[in-house]
């Protein structure tokens, strides 16, 4: 395979990853790292470096549209970014000291757990119950556009959600992903934020989280411009298209896509890690 074909294939795969990442709040990295490592034989740390650059592009491409349309909650995102950024710095430093096979297995386990939790029946919490005192004090409650007009919601479980965001940051730095899977699950399942608000706020946050990790990867030489460029351009194009499609998308379909894709990737990553293919 010559360099032009390789670049074109990487771009196409990155476009699909960006589209899926934007629609589900995963970020493209959760697909890009397995794609590069398993499909193209790229070292997982270089794949993670390119992925982090693409995650920044994904967040930049989609976040502005989500904020403008009223889906993303900026106050929630800025609060939780404190935890994710600190965690990301720790995870990126840990990546250089962790064997590749261990990183692959951890990656797979995270994806499998995310697929199981995501496939459970979802109870929509928007607008129900009394306001949470801490969330009310921080003015985290909000509303988002729905077919019948603006729909309000209350935020729950702020301390638990903040702690999970720290874990999401560690995984982002260690695995080279935006950790959108953990972020969406924390906001969706723990903080009881509506799914579309969770995915869009996750997109708003992942760029900052990935930027913290990318600085460490760049300093260690794990970001190759020749690989990162087609990945970034493909993911950016896909994420912009995904942002335009989200308003008319059905949440149930998004959750099924979310579960199936990360389940398949999780199994493959664990198998590759255990058998030493990575």
Foldseek 3Di string as FASTA:
>chain_A
DDLVVVLVVLLQQLLVLLQLCLQQLFASLLRQLCCCCVVVVDQSLLSLLLSLLQLLLLLVLQLVLCVVQFQAQVLLLVVLLVLLLVLQLQLLVVQVVDDSLVLLLVSLVVLQVLLVLLPDDADQQFPDDDADVVCVVSVRWDWHADPVGTTTGHWDQPVVLSVLSNVLNNNCLNRSTLSSSSQLCSRVPPGNDDNSNSSNSSSNNSSSSSVSSSVSSVVVPSHDCSSSVSSNVSSNNSSNVSSVCNRVDDPVVSSVVSNVVSNVSSVVSNVCSVVVVD
